[in-house]
């Protein structure tokens, strides 16, 4: 099992948007998918996830709709909006710049 790491500021939003780019999911599904694709490095608990989902919905980047799962349990399923797709594209470009700059800084001798 990989060692858990702290998410950098803004990284959680990017991970949520990317996760929802693939398909609509409910909160627990988003958290599980992030943990799965990061091989356990990022584990997102409800105390971080749900405020982030609310923030992204307020910005209009995601939308949530209530539905029932088998067993009549109600869940809110989230979907990426058109503006969310545009934001994700911008965030990906920015992340590439940050990643490249950090790699250069770490590779250079000071």
N, C-alpha and C. Protein backbone atom coordinates (compact mmCIF):
# COMPACT_ATOMS: atom_id res chain seq x y z
N UNK A 1 0.84 -1.18 0.00
CA UNK A 1 0.00 0.00 0.00
C UNK A 1 0.88 1.24 0.00
N UNK A 2 0.52 2.21 -0.83
CA UNK A 2 1.28 3.45 -0.93
C UNK A 2 1.06 4.32 0.30
N UNK A 3 2.05 5.10 0.62
CA UNK A 3 1.93 6.01 1.76
C UNK A 3 1.07 7.20 1.34
N UNK A 4 0.16 7.61 2.22
CA UNK A 4 -0.72 8.73 1.92
C UNK A 4 0.07 10.03 1.92
N UNK A 5 -0.40 10.99 1.12
CA UNK A 5 0.25 12.30 1.03
C UNK A 5 -0.82 13.37 1.17
N UNK A 6 -0.38 14.55 1.58
CA UNK A 6 -1.31 15.67 1.67
C UNK A 6 -1.52 16.25 0.28
N UNK A 7 -2.75 16.65 0.01
CA UNK A 7 -3.06 17.29 -1.26
C UNK A 7 -2.60 18.73 -1.22
N UNK A 8 -1.99 19.19 -2.29
CA UNK A 8 -1.63 20.59 -2.40
C UNK A 8 -2.90 21.41 -2.61
N UNK A 9 -2.87 22.67 -2.19
CA UNK A 9 -4.04 23.53 -2.35
C UNK A 9 -4.45 23.56 -3.82
N UNK A 10 -5.73 23.38 -4.08
CA UNK A 10 -6.27 23.39 -5.43
C UNK A 10 -6.24 22.04 -6.12
N UNK A 11 -5.47 21.11 -5.60
CA UNK A 11 -5.34 19.80 -6.24
C UNK A 11 -6.62 18.99 -6.12
N UNK A 12 -7.32 19.10 -5.01
CA UNK A 12 -8.55 18.34 -4.83
C UNK A 12 -9.58 18.73 -5.88
N UNK A 13 -9.74 20.02 -6.13
CA UNK A 13 -10.68 20.46 -7.16
C UNK A 13 -10.33 19.85 -8.51
N UNK A 14 -9.06 19.88 -8.85
CA UNK A 14 -8.61 19.31 -10.12
C UNK A 14 -8.90 17.82 -10.18
N UNK A 15 -8.64 17.10 -9.10
CA UNK A 15 -8.91 15.66 -9.08
C UNK A 15 -10.40 15.36 -9.21
N UNK A 16 -11.23 16.15 -8.56
CA UNK A 16 -12.68 15.94 -8.67
C UNK A 16 -13.15 16.21 -10.09
N UNK A 17 -12.72 17.32 -10.67
CA UNK A 17 -13.13 17.64 -12.05
C UNK A 17 -12.68 16.55 -13.01
N UNK A 18 -11.46 16.09 -12.85
CA UNK A 18 -10.94 15.03 -13.73
C UNK A 18 -11.72 13.74 -13.55
N UNK A 19 -12.05 13.40 -12.32
CA UNK A 19 -12.82 12.19 -12.05
C UNK A 19 -14.19 12.27 -12.71
N UNK A 20 -14.83 13.43 -12.63
CA UNK A 20 -16.16 13.58 -13.22
C UNK A 20 -16.12 13.74 -14.73
N UNK A 21 -14.96 14.03 -15.29
CA UNK A 21 -14.82 14.09 -16.74
C UNK A 21 -15.11 12.72 -17.35
N UNK A 22 -14.78 11.68 -16.62
CA UNK A 22 -14.94 10.32 -17.13
C UNK A 22 -16.38 9.83 -17.07
N UNK A 23 -17.09 10.17 -15.95
CA UNK A 23 -18.49 9.76 -15.83
C UNK A 23 -19.07 10.38 -14.56
N UNK A 24 -20.40 10.51 -14.50
CA UNK A 24 -21.04 11.01 -13.29
C UNK A 24 -20.85 10.02 -12.14
N UNK A 25 -20.66 10.57 -10.94
CA UNK A 25 -20.48 9.72 -9.75
C UNK A 25 -21.06 10.42 -8.54
N UNK A 26 -21.38 9.63 -7.51
CA UNK A 26 -21.79 10.21 -6.24
C UNK A 26 -20.53 10.42 -5.40
N UNK A 27 -20.70 11.13 -4.28
CA UNK A 27 -19.56 11.53 -3.46
C UNK A 27 -18.62 10.41 -3.09
N UNK A 28 -19.16 9.32 -2.55
CA UNK A 28 -18.31 8.19 -2.15
C UNK A 28 -17.59 7.60 -3.36
N UNK A 29 -18.28 7.55 -4.49
CA UNK A 29 -17.67 7.04 -5.72
C UNK A 29 -16.51 7.90 -6.18
N UNK A 30 -16.65 9.22 -6.02
CA UNK A 30 -15.56 10.14 -6.38
C UNK A 30 -14.36 9.87 -5.48
N UNK A 31 -14.60 9.79 -4.18
CA UNK A 31 -13.53 9.54 -3.22
C UNK A 31 -12.83 8.22 -3.51
N UNK A 32 -13.60 7.18 -3.76
CA UNK A 32 -13.01 5.86 -4.05
C UNK A 32 -12.20 5.87 -5.34
N UNK A 33 -12.69 6.58 -6.35
CA UNK A 33 -11.98 6.64 -7.63
C UNK A 33 -10.65 7.37 -7.49
N UNK A 34 -10.65 8.47 -6.73
CA UNK A 34 -9.40 9.21 -6.51
C UNK A 34 -8.40 8.32 -5.78
N UNK A 35 -8.85 7.62 -4.77
CA UNK A 35 -7.95 6.72 -4.03
C UNK A 35 -7.43 5.62 -4.95
N UNK A 36 -8.31 5.10 -5.82
CA UNK A 36 -7.92 4.03 -6.73
C UNK A 36 -6.86 4.49 -7.74
N UNK A 37 -7.12 5.62 -8.42
CA UNK A 37 -6.19 6.04 -9.47
C UNK A 37 -4.87 6.56 -8.92
N UNK A 38 -4.87 7.02 -7.66
CA UNK A 38 -3.62 7.47 -7.06
C UNK A 38 -2.95 6.35 -6.26
N UNK A 39 -3.52 5.16 -6.36
CA UNK A 39 -3.00 3.98 -5.67
C UNK A 39 -2.84 4.22 -4.17
N UNK A 40 -3.84 4.89 -3.61
CA UNK A 40 -3.88 5.09 -2.17
C UNK A 40 -3.07 6.26 -1.65
N UNK A 41 -2.41 7.00 -2.53
CA UNK A 41 -1.61 8.13 -2.07
C UNK A 41 -2.52 9.26 -1.58
N UNK A 42 -3.64 9.49 -2.28
CA UNK A 42 -4.60 10.50 -1.85
C UNK A 42 -5.88 9.82 -1.40
N UNK A 43 -6.20 9.97 -0.13
CA UNK A 43 -7.44 9.46 0.44
C UNK A 43 -8.24 10.68 0.87
N UNK A 44 -9.38 10.88 0.24
CA UNK A 44 -10.18 12.08 0.47
C UNK A 44 -11.36 11.72 1.36
N UNK A 45 -11.36 12.26 2.56
CA UNK A 45 -12.45 12.02 3.49
C UNK A 45 -13.61 12.96 3.26
N UNK A 46 -14.75 12.67 3.86
CA UNK A 46 -15.94 13.49 3.66
C UNK A 46 -15.77 14.94 4.12
N UNK A 47 -14.93 15.17 5.12
CA UNK A 47 -14.70 16.52 5.61
C UNK A 47 -14.01 17.42 4.61
N UNK A 48 -13.31 16.84 3.66
CA UNK A 48 -12.68 17.60 2.58
C UNK A 48 -13.50 17.52 1.30
N UNK A 49 -14.05 16.34 1.03
CA UNK A 49 -14.74 16.12 -0.23
C UNK A 49 -16.01 16.94 -0.37
N UNK A 50 -16.90 16.87 0.62
CA UNK A 50 -18.20 17.51 0.45
C UNK A 50 -18.13 19.03 0.41
N UNK A 51 -17.27 19.69 1.20
CA UNK A 51 -17.13 21.14 1.00
C UNK A 51 -16.59 21.47 -0.40
N UNK A 52 -15.69 20.64 -0.92
CA UNK A 52 -15.16 20.87 -2.27
C UNK A 52 -16.27 20.70 -3.31
N UNK A 53 -17.11 19.68 -3.16
CA UNK A 53 -18.22 19.49 -4.10
C UNK A 53 -19.16 20.68 -4.07
N UNK A 54 -19.46 21.19 -2.88
CA UNK A 54 -20.34 22.36 -2.77
C UNK A 54 -19.70 23.58 -3.43
N UNK A 55 -18.41 23.77 -3.21
CA UNK A 55 -17.69 24.90 -3.80
C UNK A 55 -17.70 24.82 -5.33
N UNK A 56 -17.46 23.63 -5.87
CA UNK A 56 -17.45 23.46 -7.32
C UNK A 56 -18.84 23.66 -7.91
N UNK A 57 -19.86 23.24 -7.17
CA UNK A 57 -21.24 23.44 -7.64
C UNK A 57 -21.59 24.93 -7.63
N UNK A 58 -21.16 25.64 -6.60
CA UNK A 58 -21.42 27.09 -6.53
C UNK A 58 -20.76 27.82 -7.69
N UNK A 59 -19.62 27.35 -8.13
CA UNK A 59 -18.92 27.97 -9.26
C UNK A 59 -19.54 27.57 -10.60
N UNK A 60 -20.46 26.60 -10.57
CA UNK A 60 -21.11 26.16 -11.80
C UNK A 60 -20.31 25.14 -12.58
N UNK A 61 -19.28 24.56 -11.97
CA UNK A 61 -18.43 23.61 -12.68
C UNK A 61 -18.96 22.19 -12.61
N UNK A 62 -19.79 21.90 -11.62
CA UNK A 62 -20.45 20.61 -11.52
C UNK A 62 -21.90 20.83 -11.13
N UNK A 63 -22.73 19.84 -11.40
CA UNK A 63 -24.13 19.86 -10.97
C UNK A 63 -24.43 18.53 -10.29
N UNK A 64 -25.27 18.60 -9.27
CA UNK A 64 -25.65 17.39 -8.57
C UNK A 64 -27.14 17.13 -8.70
N UNK A 65 -27.50 15.86 -8.77
CA UNK A 65 -28.90 15.47 -8.86
C UNK A 65 -29.13 14.28 -7.92
N UNK A 66 -30.19 14.38 -7.13
CA UNK A 66 -30.53 13.30 -6.21
C UNK A 66 -31.15 12.12 -6.95
N UNK A 67 -30.76 10.93 -6.55
CA UNK A 67 -31.33 9.71 -7.12
C UNK A 67 -31.31 8.63 -6.05
N UNK A 68 -31.97 7.52 -6.34
CA UNK A 68 -32.00 6.40 -5.40
C UNK A 68 -31.17 5.25 -5.95
N UNK A 69 -30.38 4.69 -5.08
CA UNK A 69 -29.65 3.47 -5.41
C UNK A 69 -30.51 2.29 -5.01
N UNK A 70 -30.09 1.10 -5.40
CA UNK A 70 -30.81 -0.09 -4.95
C UNK A 70 -30.81 -0.08 -3.43
N UNK A 71 -31.88 -0.51 -2.83
CA UNK A 71 -32.01 -0.43 -1.38
C UNK A 71 -32.63 0.88 -0.94
N UNK A 72 -33.04 1.68 -1.89
CA UNK A 72 -33.72 2.96 -1.66
C UNK A 72 -32.88 3.98 -0.88
N UNK A 73 -31.57 3.88 -0.99
CA UNK A 73 -30.70 4.88 -0.39
C UNK A 73 -30.55 6.03 -1.36
N UNK A 74 -30.77 7.25 -0.90
CA UNK A 74 -30.65 8.43 -1.76
C UNK A 74 -29.20 8.90 -1.80
N UNK A 75 -28.74 9.20 -3.00
CA UNK A 75 -27.39 9.74 -3.20
C UNK A 75 -27.46 10.90 -4.18
N UNK A 76 -26.52 11.79 -4.06
CA UNK A 76 -26.42 12.90 -5.01
C UNK A 76 -25.31 12.55 -5.99
N UNK A 77 -25.69 12.47 -7.25
CA UNK A 77 -24.73 12.14 -8.31
C UNK A 77 -24.31 13.44 -8.98
N UNK A 78 -23.03 13.59 -9.17
CA UNK A 78 -22.47 14.82 -9.73
C UNK A 78 -22.02 14.59 -11.17
N UNK A 79 -22.19 15.64 -11.98
CA UNK A 79 -21.80 15.61 -13.38
C UNK A 79 -21.03 16.90 -13.69
N UNK A 80 -20.07 16.80 -14.58
CA UNK A 80 -19.28 17.95 -15.00
C UNK A 80 -20.09 18.79 -15.98
N UNK A 81 -20.12 20.10 -15.79
CA UNK A 81 -20.84 21.00 -16.69
C UNK A 81 -19.90 21.45 -17.82
N UNK A 82 -20.44 22.17 -18.78
CA UNK A 82 -19.61 22.70 -19.87
C UNK A 82 -18.55 23.65 -19.32
N UNK A 83 -18.93 24.52 -18.38
CA UNK A 83 -17.93 25.42 -17.80
C UNK A 83 -16.93 24.64 -16.96
N UNK A 84 -17.36 23.53 -16.38
CA UNK A 84 -16.45 22.67 -15.64
C UNK A 84 -15.42 22.04 -16.56
N UNK A 85 -15.86 21.66 -17.76
CA UNK A 85 -14.92 21.09 -18.74
C UNK A 85 -13.88 22.13 -19.15
N UNK A 86 -14.34 23.37 -19.35
CA UNK A 86 -13.41 24.45 -19.70
C UNK A 86 -12.44 24.71 -18.56
N UNK A 87 -12.94 24.71 -17.33
CA UNK A 87 -12.08 24.93 -16.17
C UNK A 87 -11.07 23.80 -16.03
N UNK A 88 -11.50 22.58 -16.25
CA UNK A 88 -10.60 21.43 -16.18
C UNK A 88 -9.47 21.58 -17.20
N UNK A 89 -9.79 21.99 -18.40
CA UNK A 89 -8.76 22.18 -19.43
C UNK A 89 -7.76 23.24 -18.99
N UNK A 90 -8.26 24.34 -18.41
CA UNK A 90 -7.37 25.39 -17.92
C UNK A 90 -6.51 24.90 -16.76
N UNK A 91 -7.12 24.14 -15.86
CA UNK A 91 -6.39 23.60 -14.71
C UNK A 91 -5.31 22.61 -15.16
N UNK A 92 -5.60 21.82 -16.17
CA UNK A 92 -4.60 20.87 -16.69
C UNK A 92 -3.41 21.63 -17.26
N UNK A 93 -3.68 22.70 -18.02
CA UNK A 93 -2.58 23.49 -18.59
C UNK A 93 -1.74 24.11 -17.47
N UNK A 94 -2.40 24.66 -16.46
CA UNK A 94 -1.68 25.26 -15.34
C UNK A 94 -0.86 24.22 -14.59
N UNK A 95 -1.45 23.04 -14.36
CA UNK A 95 -0.74 21.99 -13.64
C UNK A 95 0.52 21.57 -14.40
N UNK A 96 0.45 21.50 -15.71
CA UNK A 96 1.62 21.14 -16.50
C UNK A 96 2.74 22.17 -16.32
N UNK A 97 2.37 23.46 -16.27
CA UNK A 97 3.37 24.50 -16.03
C UNK A 97 4.02 24.34 -14.66
N UNK A 98 3.19 24.12 -13.64
CA UNK A 98 3.70 23.96 -12.27
C UNK A 98 4.59 22.72 -12.19
N UNK A 99 4.13 21.62 -12.76
CA UNK A 99 4.88 20.36 -12.75
C UNK A 99 6.24 20.54 -13.41
N UNK A 100 6.25 21.17 -14.58
CA UNK A 100 7.50 21.39 -15.32
C UNK A 100 8.45 22.28 -14.52
N UNK A 101 7.91 23.36 -13.96
CA UNK A 101 8.74 24.29 -13.19
C UNK A 101 9.33 23.61 -11.95
N UNK A 102 8.52 22.83 -11.24
CA UNK A 102 9.02 22.13 -10.05
C UNK A 102 10.07 21.10 -10.41
N UNK A 103 9.88 20.39 -11.49
CA UNK A 103 10.89 19.42 -11.92
C UNK A 103 12.20 20.11 -12.25
N UNK A 104 12.12 21.26 -12.91
CA UNK A 104 13.35 22.01 -13.23
C UNK A 104 14.04 22.47 -11.95
N UNK A 105 13.24 23.00 -11.02
CA UNK A 105 13.81 23.51 -9.76
C UNK A 105 14.45 22.37 -8.96
N UNK A 106 13.84 21.22 -8.96
CA UNK A 106 14.38 20.10 -8.19
C UNK A 106 15.60 19.48 -8.86
N UNK A 107 15.70 19.61 -10.16
CA UNK A 107 16.82 19.02 -10.90
C UNK A 107 18.05 19.93 -10.90
N UNK A 108 17.86 21.22 -10.72
CA UNK A 108 18.96 22.18 -10.76
C UNK A 108 19.77 22.16 -9.48
N UNK A 109 21.04 22.43 -9.61
CA UNK A 109 21.89 22.59 -8.44
C UNK A 109 21.87 24.07 -8.07
N UNK A 110 21.72 24.33 -6.78
CA UNK A 110 21.66 25.72 -6.32
C UNK A 110 23.00 26.17 -5.83
